[in-house]
Protein backbone atom coordinates (compact mmCIF):
# COMPACT_ATOMS: atom_id res chain seq x y z
CA MET A 1 82.29 136.75 159.65
CA GLY A 2 79.91 138.67 161.88
CA SER A 3 80.76 141.57 164.11
CA GLU A 4 81.95 140.21 167.41
CA VAL A 5 84.07 141.65 170.15
CA LEU A 6 85.99 139.21 172.32
CA ARG A 7 87.21 140.21 175.72
CA PRO A 8 89.31 138.23 178.15
CA GLU A 9 87.02 136.32 180.45
CA SER A 10 89.49 136.09 183.29
CA GLN A 11 92.72 137.46 184.56
CA ASP A 12 94.51 134.21 183.65
CA GLU A 13 93.60 134.58 180.01
CA ALA A 14 94.99 138.10 179.89
CA GLN A 15 98.23 136.94 181.41
CA THR A 16 98.75 134.22 178.85
CA SER A 17 97.44 136.13 175.84
CA THR A 18 100.83 136.65 174.15
CA PRO A 19 101.56 136.60 170.36
CA GLU A 20 102.57 132.96 170.71
CA VAL A 21 99.22 132.07 172.26
CA GLU A 22 97.32 134.08 169.67
CA PHE A 23 99.05 132.15 166.86
CA ALA A 24 98.32 128.89 168.66
CA LEU A 25 94.63 129.75 168.97
CA VAL A 26 94.34 130.57 165.28
CA LEU A 27 96.15 127.40 164.25
CA SER A 28 94.17 125.17 166.60
CA ARG A 29 90.81 126.47 165.36
CA MET A 30 91.86 125.94 161.75
CA ILE A 31 93.06 122.42 162.42
CA ASP A 32 89.87 121.74 164.37
CA SER A 33 87.83 122.62 161.26
CA VAL A 34 89.47 119.74 159.36
CA GLN A 35 89.44 117.06 162.03
CA ASN A 36 89.72 114.18 159.61
CA ASP A 37 92.87 115.47 157.89
CA PRO A 38 96.21 113.72 158.53
CA GLU A 39 99.30 115.17 160.06
CA HIS A 40 100.52 116.18 156.62
CA LEU A 41 97.75 118.76 156.34
CA ARG A 42 98.82 120.38 159.62
CA ALA A 43 102.36 120.65 158.33
CA THR A 44 101.05 122.29 155.15
CA ILE A 45 99.06 124.80 157.21
CA TYR A 46 102.14 125.66 159.22
CA GLU A 47 104.16 126.22 156.08
CA LEU A 48 101.49 128.42 154.54
CA ALA A 49 101.38 130.47 157.73
CA ARG A 50 105.15 130.96 157.54
CA VAL A 51 104.98 132.08 153.91
CA LYS A 52 102.16 134.53 154.48
CA MET A 53 103.82 135.98 157.53
CA LYS A 54 107.00 136.61 155.52
CA GLU A 55 105.02 138.27 152.73
CA GLN A 56 103.17 140.55 155.12
CA SER A 57 106.24 141.51 157.18
CA VAL A 58 108.30 142.90 154.30
CA SER A 59 107.77 146.49 155.47
CA GLN A 60 108.63 145.69 159.08
CA SER A 61 112.02 146.06 160.62
CA LEU A 62 114.40 143.12 160.91
CA ALA A 63 113.85 142.92 164.66
CA GLU A 64 110.09 142.78 164.27
CA ARG A 65 110.33 140.10 161.55
CA ARG A 66 112.54 137.97 163.75
CA GLN A 67 110.17 138.46 166.67
CA LEU A 68 107.15 137.38 164.59
CA SER A 69 108.96 134.37 163.12
CA LYS A 70 110.03 133.19 166.56
CA ALA A 71 106.53 133.65 167.91
CA LEU A 72 104.99 131.63 165.04
CA GLU A 73 107.47 128.75 165.43
CA THR A 74 106.85 128.63 169.17
CA ALA A 75 103.11 128.53 168.54
CA ILE A 76 103.50 125.65 166.04
CA GLN A 77 105.55 123.67 168.55
CA GLY A 78 102.93 124.29 171.22
CA VAL A 79 100.09 123.06 169.00
CA GLU A 80 101.97 119.89 167.98
CA THR A 81 102.91 119.15 171.59
CA PHE A 82 99.31 119.50 172.67
CA VAL A 83 98.06 117.17 169.88
CA LYS A 84 100.64 114.46 170.65
CA LYS A 85 100.07 114.56 174.41
CA ASN A 86 96.32 114.19 174.01
CA ASP A 87 96.75 111.39 171.40
CA ALA A 88 94.20 112.91 169.04
CA SER A 89 94.15 113.58 165.32
CA ALA A 90 92.67 117.05 165.89
CA LEU A 91 92.54 119.56 168.69
CA PRO A 92 89.55 119.36 171.07
CA ARG A 93 86.91 122.05 171.03
CA LEU A 94 87.54 124.49 173.85
CA ASP A 95 86.32 127.90 174.68
CA ARG A 96 88.63 130.81 174.31
CA ALA A 97 89.79 130.74 177.91
CA GLY A 98 90.29 126.95 177.89
CA GLN A 99 92.30 127.03 174.69
CA SER A 100 94.42 129.83 175.98
CA ARG A 101 95.35 127.87 179.09
CA ALA A 102 95.90 124.55 177.31
CA LEU A 103 98.00 125.88 174.46
CA ALA A 104 100.00 128.29 176.54
CA ALA A 105 101.35 125.49 178.73
CA PRO A 106 103.87 124.04 176.23
CA ILE A 107 105.17 127.45 175.26
CA ARG A 108 108.34 128.37 177.07
CA ALA A 109 108.13 131.00 179.79
CA GLU A 110 110.71 133.26 178.24
CA THR A 111 108.47 133.94 175.26
CA VAL A 112 105.56 135.26 177.40
CA ARG A 113 105.20 138.98 177.20
CA PRO A 114 103.54 141.59 179.46
CA GLU A 115 99.79 141.79 179.54
CA PRO A 116 98.33 143.25 176.37
CA HIS A 117 95.46 145.71 176.11
CA ILE A 118 92.45 144.46 174.12
CA VAL A 119 90.94 146.87 171.60
CA GLU A 120 87.55 146.24 170.04
CA VAL A 121 87.51 146.26 166.22
CA GLU A 122 84.23 146.52 164.34
CA GLY A 123 83.56 143.70 161.80
CA SER A 124 86.09 141.19 163.16
CA SER A 125 85.58 138.00 165.15
CA TRP A 126 89.25 137.83 166.11
CA PRO A 127 90.67 139.56 169.19
CA ILE A 128 93.00 142.38 168.28
CA LYS A 129 95.32 143.40 171.08
CA LYS A 130 97.60 146.34 171.42
CA ARG A 131 100.94 145.83 173.08
CA SER A 132 103.29 148.45 174.30
CA ALA A 133 106.31 146.78 172.69
CA GLY A 134 104.52 144.47 170.21
CA LEU A 135 102.47 144.69 167.03
CA THR A 136 100.09 147.37 165.85
CA ALA A 137 96.39 146.59 165.59
CA PRO A 138 96.19 146.77 161.74
CA TRP A 139 99.25 144.54 161.39
CA ARG A 140 97.89 141.82 163.70
CA PHE A 141 94.52 141.96 161.99
CA ALA A 142 96.16 141.46 158.57
CA ILE A 143 98.21 138.51 159.82
CA VAL A 144 95.27 136.70 161.36
CA LEU A 145 92.99 137.36 158.40
CA THR A 146 95.68 136.17 155.93
CA ILE A 147 96.17 132.92 157.82
CA ALA A 148 92.43 132.30 157.91
CA LEU A 149 92.05 132.90 154.17
CA THR A 150 95.07 130.68 153.45
CA ILE A 151 93.55 127.78 155.36
CA VAL A 152 90.18 128.18 153.61
CA VAL A 153 91.88 128.14 150.22
CA ALA A 154 93.96 125.13 151.22
CA VAL A 155 90.91 123.16 152.34
CA THR A 156 89.00 124.11 149.18
CA GLN A 157 91.87 123.07 146.93
CA ARG A 158 92.22 119.85 148.88
CA GLU A 159 88.57 118.95 148.22
CA LYS A 160 89.02 119.73 144.52
CA LEU A 161 92.15 117.62 144.46
CA ARG A 162 90.27 114.74 146.06
CA ASN A 163 87.49 114.93 143.49
CA THR A 164 89.96 115.16 140.59
CA THR A 165 91.98 112.25 141.96
CA ALA A 166 88.84 110.15 142.30
CA ARG A 167 87.88 110.82 138.68
CA VAL A 168 91.39 110.01 137.45
CA VAL A 169 91.47 106.77 139.42
CA ALA A 170 88.08 105.76 138.07
CA LEU A 171 89.17 106.54 134.52
CA VAL A 172 92.40 104.59 134.85
CA THR A 173 90.62 101.66 136.47
CA SER A 174 88.03 101.45 133.71
CA ALA A 175 90.62 101.85 130.94
CA ALA A 176 93.23 99.59 132.44
CA PRO A 177 94.05 96.74 130.04
CA LYS A 178 93.06 93.31 131.12
CA PRO A 179 95.91 90.98 131.98
CA ALA A 180 97.05 88.95 129.02
CA GLN A 181 95.91 85.39 128.97
CA VAL A 182 99.00 83.25 129.05
CA THR A 183 98.51 79.93 127.37
CA ALA A 184 100.95 77.14 127.74
CA ALA A 185 102.89 76.35 124.61
CA PRO A 186 101.91 73.02 123.12
CA ALA A 187 104.31 70.26 123.87
CA PRO A 188 106.42 69.28 120.88
CA ALA A 189 105.17 66.23 119.08
CA THR A 190 107.04 63.11 120.00
CA ASN A 191 107.10 61.98 116.40
CA ALA A 192 108.58 65.27 115.08
CA ALA A 193 111.45 64.73 112.71
CA PRO A 194 114.83 65.48 114.34
CA ILE A 195 117.05 68.16 112.90
CA ALA A 196 119.06 66.69 110.07
CA GLU A 197 122.77 66.45 110.81
CA PRO A 198 125.30 67.57 108.22
CA SER A 199 126.03 64.88 105.65
CA PRO A 200 129.39 63.13 106.15
CA THR A 201 129.99 63.58 102.44
CA THR A 202 129.71 67.39 102.62
CA PRO A 203 133.09 69.08 103.05
CA THR A 204 133.60 71.76 105.69
CA ALA A 205 136.86 73.19 104.36
CA TYR A 206 137.92 74.40 100.94
CA GLY A 207 139.47 71.74 98.73
CA ILE A 208 138.95 69.08 96.02
CA TYR A 209 137.23 65.94 97.29
CA ALA A 210 136.20 62.51 96.02
CA VAL A 211 133.15 60.68 97.39
CA SER A 212 133.49 56.90 97.38
CA ALA A 213 131.51 54.34 99.41
CA ASP A 214 129.71 57.22 101.17
CA LYS A 215 132.95 58.65 102.48
CA LEU A 216 134.79 61.86 101.72
CA TYR A 217 138.42 61.86 100.58
CA GLU A 218 140.51 64.93 99.88
CA LEU A 219 142.68 64.84 96.75
CA GLU A 220 146.23 66.15 96.56
CA LEU A 221 147.56 68.33 93.77
CA LEU A 222 150.26 66.83 91.60
CA PRO A 223 153.30 69.03 90.89
CA GLY A 224 153.35 70.94 87.63
CA ARG A 225 150.55 71.30 85.16
CA ALA A 226 148.72 68.48 83.45
CA PRO A 227 150.01 67.83 79.91
CA ASP A 228 147.96 68.74 76.90
CA ILE A 229 145.67 65.99 75.71
CA ARG A 230 147.78 65.76 72.54
CA VAL A 231 150.83 64.73 74.55
CA ALA A 232 151.02 60.96 75.04
CA VAL A 233 152.64 60.92 78.46
CA SER A 234 153.73 63.35 81.11
CA PRO A 235 157.07 63.56 82.87
CA ALA A 236 157.64 60.72 85.33
CA ILE A 237 155.94 60.79 88.73
CA GLU A 238 158.09 58.95 91.25
CA SER A 239 155.84 58.79 94.32
CA PRO A 240 152.71 56.66 94.89
CA SER A 241 149.28 58.15 95.43
CA ARG A 242 148.37 58.86 99.02
CA THR A 243 144.62 58.93 98.36
CA VAL A 244 143.22 55.45 97.77
CA LEU A 245 139.47 55.09 97.20
CA PRO A 246 137.70 51.82 98.07
CA ASP A 247 135.26 51.87 95.15
CA GLY A 248 135.34 52.97 91.52
CA HIS A 249 131.77 54.35 91.66
CA LEU A 250 132.56 57.86 92.69
CA LYS A 251 131.98 61.55 92.21
CA PHE A 252 133.93 64.68 93.06
CA ILE A 253 133.01 67.78 95.05
CA ILE A 254 134.80 71.03 94.32
CA TYR A 255 134.73 73.49 97.23
CA ARG A 256 136.36 76.82 96.40
CA ARG A 257 135.75 80.48 97.17
CA ASP A 258 135.18 81.30 93.49
CA SER A 259 133.02 78.30 92.63
CA ALA A 260 129.91 80.42 92.17
CA THR A 261 131.54 82.56 89.47
CA ASN A 262 134.49 80.53 88.26
CA ALA A 263 133.36 76.92 88.12
CA ALA A 264 134.92 74.63 85.54
CA ASP A 265 132.78 74.04 82.46
CA ARG A 266 134.16 70.58 81.93
CA ALA A 267 136.32 68.04 83.73
CA GLU A 268 138.00 64.81 82.89
CA VAL A 269 139.72 61.93 84.59
CA ARG A 270 142.96 60.66 83.03
CA ILE A 271 144.75 57.39 83.60
CA VAL A 272 148.04 57.55 85.45
CA ALA A 273 149.83 54.41 84.26
CA GLN A 274 152.64 52.75 86.12
CA ILE A 275 155.94 52.03 84.30
CA MET A 276 156.37 48.34 85.00
CA ARG A 277 159.48 47.58 82.91
CA GLU A 278 162.21 49.39 81.09
CA MET A 279 164.33 48.09 78.21
CA SER A 280 167.74 49.45 77.43
CA PHE A 281 170.84 48.40 75.44
CA ASP A 282 174.26 47.51 76.77
CA ALA A 283 177.60 48.43 75.21
CA ALA A 284 177.43 45.48 72.83
CA GLY A 285 173.98 46.61 71.67
CA LYS A 286 172.13 43.75 73.27
CA PRO A 287 168.67 44.63 74.87
CA VAL A 288 168.47 44.55 78.66
CA THR A 289 165.07 44.52 80.45
CA LYS A 290 164.64 45.45 84.08
CA LYS A 291 161.72 45.97 86.44
CA ILE A 292 160.93 49.51 87.58
CA ASP A 293 159.20 50.45 90.85
CA ASN A 294 157.33 53.62 91.82
CA THR A 295 157.27 55.38 88.49
CA TRP A 296 154.07 56.68 86.88
CA VAL A 297 153.11 58.89 83.96
CA ILE A 298 149.86 60.67 83.05
CA ARG A 299 148.52 59.28 79.80
CA ASN A 300 146.35 61.07 77.24
CA ILE A 301 143.54 58.54 77.85
CA SER A 302 140.62 60.56 79.16
CA ILE A 303 137.33 59.55 80.81
CA PRO A 304 134.76 62.35 80.41
CA PHE A 305 132.95 63.83 83.44
CA ARG A 306 130.38 66.59 83.72
CA THR A 307 129.93 69.39 86.26
CA ALA A 308 126.76 70.45 88.09
CA PRO A 309 126.13 73.08 90.80
CA LYS A 310 125.42 71.93 94.34
CA LYS A 311 122.07 73.34 95.44
CA ASP A 312 122.73 73.68 99.16
CA ASN A 313 125.98 75.66 98.76
CA ILE A 314 126.90 78.06 95.98
CA ASP A 315 130.61 77.63 96.74
CA MET A 316 130.44 73.95 95.78
CA TYR A 317 129.80 72.05 92.60
CA GLU A 318 129.92 68.35 91.69
CA VAL A 319 131.80 66.45 89.03
CA GLN A 320 130.13 63.21 87.96
CA SER A 321 130.69 60.62 85.28
CA GLU A 322 128.67 60.94 82.10
CA ASP A 323 127.76 57.29 82.55
CA PRO A 324 126.50 56.83 86.13
CA GLU A 325 126.55 53.05 85.76
CA SER A 326 130.22 52.85 84.84
CA ALA A 327 132.97 52.58 87.43
CA LEU A 328 136.67 53.22 87.35
CA THR A 329 138.77 50.08 87.38
CA PRO A 330 141.50 49.61 90.00
CA GLY A 331 144.50 51.78 89.27
CA ARG A 332 145.76 55.33 89.53
CA TYR A 333 144.01 58.41 88.09
CA ALA A 334 144.15 62.18 87.98
CA LEU A 335 141.20 64.59 88.01
CA ILE A 336 142.01 67.42 85.59
CA LEU A 337 140.49 70.82 86.44
CA LYS A 338 141.67 73.89 84.51
CA GLY A 339 145.05 72.41 83.74
CA GLN A 340 145.73 71.11 87.24
CA ALA A 341 145.91 67.41 88.13
CA TYR A 342 144.54 66.02 91.40
CA ASP A 343 145.84 62.58 92.29
CA PHE A 344 143.91 59.51 93.54
CA ALA A 345 143.86 55.72 93.13
CA VAL A 346 141.18 53.02 93.19
CA ALA A 347 142.03 50.04 95.36
CA GLY A 348 142.21 46.51 93.94
CA PRO A 349 144.36 44.36 91.68
CA ILE A 350 145.15 46.07 88.40
CA SER A 351 143.51 44.33 85.43
CA ASP A 352 143.17 47.16 82.94
CA PRO A 353 146.12 47.05 80.49
CA ARG A 354 145.91 50.82 80.13
CA GLN A 355 147.20 51.09 83.69
CA CYS A 356 150.51 49.49 82.66
CA MET A 357 153.30 50.82 80.42
CA GLU A 358 156.76 49.87 79.32
CA ARG A 359 159.60 52.21 78.57
CA MET A 360 162.51 51.91 76.22
CA ALA A 361 165.64 53.95 76.74
CA ALA A 362 167.54 54.64 73.51
CA THR A 363 170.37 56.93 72.58
CA ASN A 364 167.98 59.37 70.96
CA GLY A 365 165.41 59.44 73.83
CA GLN A 366 162.79 57.47 75.77
CA PHE A 367 159.85 55.73 74.18
CA TYR A 368 156.68 54.40 75.89
CA SER A 369 154.34 51.61 74.93
CA GLY A 370 151.50 49.71 76.51
CA CYS A 371 152.22 46.50 78.38
CA GLN A 372 151.57 43.23 76.69
CA LYS A 373 150.56 41.90 80.10
CA PRO A 374 149.64 43.99 83.13
């Protein structure tokens, strides 16, 4: 800044040259230097002026600080009112007298103070005025100079921020990943094989099953344990089988929790023969033959089967005949697994003599023999 002494050019200027007007002049010139800045920059300038004024007025009395704060706020309101009324983004360029008149108009009359006395200060381009009940010359000089330096710093930092922002935007734009190319998924082939449905011969619940004619049949457990193979017949069974298979070509599926670790090493199918007739003796010792219904016994006639694991489920294994071509004849049978007998029957007229037995009741016990005719 050069050395310049400003004096009031008219009596009107002296009358309106109050602290409020002085603040308004400083603020308007600073805003005028950044004409292209938005309203946000003006608000920032106002806030910086408030902060600097508070910092510089620490040594002043409470009354003086309140007086300065009120004067600054009044000046800010006057500047904003002037800008809005003239519908401009920045204040117009006026001479000192013109600015004093224009900016003093919005300021309320009660804030105007008595005419100040202007004192020339060497090395300053700002008017420094001495008031009888106002601020001292050094104090006003410090305030005005602080505001001017604050605005210069703010504008400088704003330009740096613009340059930095531009570089960051350019960097982000150049490094931004290209949008991914979305390609439509190929339509599924019309001739694709459909998902295989579960086989109807695969059990879904634990149990012992027979597969006959591509159907699954669950076998029931007979009461008691199966007799040792060395015993000719078992105790009498007095109820018919409730599982009747349509075909003698069959296999069995064992589905148990412990099948993976406790599968049977061997299995067998035994004939369950029906007692067709019984012979007894009357009191005179003459034989009496009568027909018997619904009585069966497990014979020691065994048909060997072999076991094999089921690949698609470790909890299952299969029991199949050692001769795949052979088939069980019509009649009743029991699958023997670990001493337990599972009951089933093959439908059809009985033709195998092994499926028929006769019983003789004597005083010393019961004796069984094969039927001469089924």
